[in-house]
Amino acid sequence: MKTAELRDKSVDELNARERDLNEQLFKLRFQRATGRIENPNKIREVKREIARIKTLLNERSRA
C-alpha cells in the first residue's frame, strides 16, 4: 500500500492494518524458519509497510 493511500485512512484503520501486518510478519518468519517461504522479499515489504504506518501514526500524534 502506498503512503498516499495510508494517509487517507483513520488512526483506527491504521492500527488495525498494523496488527494485521504484524501477524503476517510472524507467519512469514515462521515459514522462513521451517524453510517453506515462497517469497523471501515479502518479509521486507511487510516490515517497510509497518514502518510507514508507525511513521504516520507518530506524525499524527505529534500534530
N, C-alpha and C. Protein backbone atom coordinates (compact mmCIF):
# COMPACT_ATOMS: atom_id res chain seq x y z
N MET A 1 0.84 -1.17 0.00
CA MET A 1 0.00 0.00 0.00
C MET A 1 0.89 1.24 0.00
N LYS A 2 0.56 2.19 -0.82
CA LYS A 2 1.35 3.41 -0.94
C LYS A 2 1.11 4.34 0.25
N THR A 3 2.06 5.22 0.47
CA THR A 3 1.95 6.16 1.58
C THR A 3 0.74 7.08 1.41
N ALA A 4 0.47 7.49 0.19
CA ALA A 4 -0.68 8.36 -0.06
C ALA A 4 -1.98 7.67 0.32
N GLU A 5 -2.08 6.38 0.05
CA GLU A 5 -3.28 5.62 0.42
C GLU A 5 -3.38 5.50 1.95
N LEU A 6 -2.26 5.35 2.61
CA LEU A 6 -2.27 5.22 4.06
C LEU A 6 -2.66 6.54 4.73
N ARG A 7 -2.28 7.67 4.14
CA ARG A 7 -2.62 8.97 4.71
C ARG A 7 -4.13 9.21 4.72
N ASP A 8 -4.85 8.55 3.82
CA ASP A 8 -6.31 8.73 3.75
C ASP A 8 -7.04 7.94 4.83
N LYS A 9 -6.38 7.03 5.49
CA LYS A 9 -7.03 6.18 6.48
C LYS A 9 -7.03 6.84 7.86
N SER A 10 -7.99 6.42 8.68
CA SER A 10 -8.08 6.94 10.04
C SER A 10 -7.07 6.23 10.95
N VAL A 11 -6.92 6.75 12.15
CA VAL A 11 -5.97 6.17 13.12
C VAL A 11 -6.39 4.73 13.46
N ASP A 12 -7.69 4.51 13.64
CA ASP A 12 -8.16 3.16 13.97
C ASP A 12 -7.87 2.18 12.83
N GLU A 13 -8.06 2.63 11.60
CA GLU A 13 -7.78 1.77 10.44
C GLU A 13 -6.29 1.47 10.34
N LEU A 14 -5.46 2.46 10.64
CA LEU A 14 -4.01 2.24 10.60
C LEU A 14 -3.58 1.27 11.69
N ASN A 15 -4.15 1.40 12.88
CA ASN A 15 -3.82 0.46 13.96
C ASN A 15 -4.23 -0.96 13.61
N ALA A 16 -5.39 -1.11 12.99
CA ALA A 16 -5.86 -2.43 12.59
C ALA A 16 -4.95 -3.01 11.52
N ARG A 17 -4.55 -2.18 10.56
CA ARG A 17 -3.66 -2.63 9.48
C ARG A 17 -2.30 -3.05 10.06
N GLU A 18 -1.82 -2.29 11.04
CA GLU A 18 -0.54 -2.62 11.67
C GLU A 18 -0.62 -3.98 12.39
N ARG A 19 -1.73 -4.21 13.09
CA ARG A 19 -1.91 -5.51 13.76
C ARG A 19 -1.90 -6.65 12.75
N ASP A 20 -2.63 -6.47 11.64
CA ASP A 20 -2.68 -7.50 10.61
C ASP A 20 -1.29 -7.77 10.02
N LEU A 21 -0.54 -6.70 9.78
CA LEU A 21 0.79 -6.86 9.21
C LEU A 21 1.74 -7.54 10.19
N ASN A 22 1.61 -7.24 11.48
CA ASN A 22 2.45 -7.90 12.47
C ASN A 22 2.16 -9.40 12.53
N GLU A 23 0.88 -9.77 12.41
CA GLU A 23 0.53 -11.19 12.36
C GLU A 23 1.10 -11.84 11.11
N GLN A 24 1.00 -11.14 9.99
CA GLN A 24 1.53 -11.67 8.74
C GLN A 24 3.05 -11.83 8.82
N LEU A 25 3.72 -10.86 9.44
CA LEU A 25 5.17 -10.94 9.60
C LEU A 25 5.56 -12.13 10.46
N PHE A 26 4.80 -12.38 11.52
CA PHE A 26 5.06 -13.54 12.37
C PHE A 26 4.96 -14.83 11.56
N LYS A 27 3.91 -14.94 10.75
CA LYS A 27 3.73 -16.14 9.93
C LYS A 27 4.85 -16.30 8.91
N LEU A 28 5.28 -15.18 8.32
CA LEU A 28 6.36 -15.24 7.34
C LEU A 28 7.67 -15.67 8.00
N ARG A 29 7.93 -15.16 9.20
CA ARG A 29 9.15 -15.56 9.92
C ARG A 29 9.10 -17.04 10.26
N PHE A 30 7.94 -17.53 10.62
CA PHE A 30 7.79 -18.94 10.93
C PHE A 30 8.04 -19.78 9.68
N GLN A 31 7.50 -19.34 8.55
CA GLN A 31 7.72 -20.06 7.28
C GLN A 31 9.20 -20.06 6.92
N ARG A 32 9.89 -18.93 7.16
CA ARG A 32 11.31 -18.87 6.85
C ARG A 32 12.10 -19.84 7.72
N ALA A 33 11.71 -19.95 8.98
CA ALA A 33 12.41 -20.84 9.91
C ALA A 33 12.22 -22.30 9.52
N THR A 34 11.05 -22.62 8.99
CA THR A 34 10.79 -24.00 8.60
C THR A 34 11.19 -24.28 7.16
N GLY A 35 11.62 -23.25 6.44
CA GLY A 35 12.09 -23.43 5.07
C GLY A 35 10.98 -23.52 4.04
N ARG A 36 9.79 -23.04 4.37
CA ARG A 36 8.66 -23.14 3.45
C ARG A 36 8.27 -21.81 2.81
N ILE A 37 9.07 -20.79 2.98
CA ILE A 37 8.69 -19.47 2.46
C ILE A 37 8.82 -19.45 0.94
N GLU A 38 7.78 -18.92 0.30
CA GLU A 38 7.77 -18.87 -1.16
C GLU A 38 8.46 -17.61 -1.69
N ASN A 39 8.22 -16.47 -1.03
CA ASN A 39 8.77 -15.21 -1.48
C ASN A 39 9.48 -14.52 -0.32
N PRO A 40 10.79 -14.69 -0.20
CA PRO A 40 11.53 -14.09 0.91
C PRO A 40 11.47 -12.56 0.94
N ASN A 41 11.24 -11.94 -0.20
CA ASN A 41 11.17 -10.48 -0.25
C ASN A 41 9.91 -9.95 0.40
N LYS A 42 8.93 -10.80 0.61
CA LYS A 42 7.68 -10.38 1.24
C LYS A 42 7.93 -9.89 2.67
N ILE A 43 8.89 -10.47 3.36
CA ILE A 43 9.24 -10.05 4.72
C ILE A 43 9.67 -8.59 4.71
N ARG A 44 10.51 -8.24 3.77
CA ARG A 44 10.99 -6.87 3.65
C ARG A 44 9.84 -5.90 3.36
N GLU A 45 8.96 -6.29 2.46
CA GLU A 45 7.83 -5.43 2.11
C GLU A 45 6.92 -5.19 3.31
N VAL A 46 6.65 -6.25 4.08
CA VAL A 46 5.77 -6.13 5.24
C VAL A 46 6.42 -5.24 6.30
N LYS A 47 7.71 -5.42 6.54
CA LYS A 47 8.40 -4.61 7.53
C LYS A 47 8.40 -3.13 7.15
N ARG A 48 8.55 -2.86 5.87
CA ARG A 48 8.55 -1.47 5.41
C ARG A 48 7.17 -0.84 5.54
N GLU A 49 6.14 -1.61 5.26
CA GLU A 49 4.80 -1.06 5.40
C GLU A 49 4.48 -0.79 6.87
N ILE A 50 4.92 -1.67 7.76
CA ILE A 50 4.74 -1.43 9.20
C ILE A 50 5.44 -0.13 9.59
N ALA A 51 6.64 0.09 9.07
CA ALA A 51 7.38 1.31 9.38
C ALA A 51 6.65 2.54 8.86
N ARG A 52 6.08 2.45 7.66
CA ARG A 52 5.31 3.58 7.12
C ARG A 52 4.13 3.92 8.02
N ILE A 53 3.43 2.89 8.47
CA ILE A 53 2.26 3.10 9.32
C ILE A 53 2.68 3.72 10.65
N LYS A 54 3.75 3.21 11.23
CA LYS A 54 4.22 3.76 12.50
C LYS A 54 4.64 5.21 12.35
N THR A 55 5.26 5.55 11.22
CA THR A 55 5.66 6.93 10.96
C THR A 55 4.44 7.84 10.88
N LEU A 56 3.42 7.41 10.16
CA LEU A 56 2.20 8.21 10.04
C LEU A 56 1.51 8.37 11.39
N LEU A 57 1.44 7.30 12.17
CA LEU A 57 0.82 7.39 13.49
C LEU A 57 1.59 8.35 14.39
N ASN A 58 2.92 8.32 14.29
CA ASN A 58 3.74 9.23 15.08
C ASN A 58 3.53 10.68 14.65
N GLU A 59 3.44 10.92 13.34
CA GLU A 59 3.20 12.26 12.84
C GLU A 59 1.85 12.78 13.36
N ARG A 60 0.85 11.93 13.34
CA ARG A 60 -0.48 12.36 13.77
C ARG A 60 -0.52 12.60 15.27
N SER A 61 0.21 11.82 16.04
CA SER A 61 0.20 12.02 17.49
C SER A 61 0.91 13.32 17.88
N ARG A 62 1.87 13.73 17.10
CA ARG A 62 2.60 14.98 17.38
C ARG A 62 1.84 16.22 16.93
N ALA A 63 0.94 16.04 15.98
CA ALA A 63 0.21 17.21 15.43
C ALA A 63 -0.88 17.69 16.38
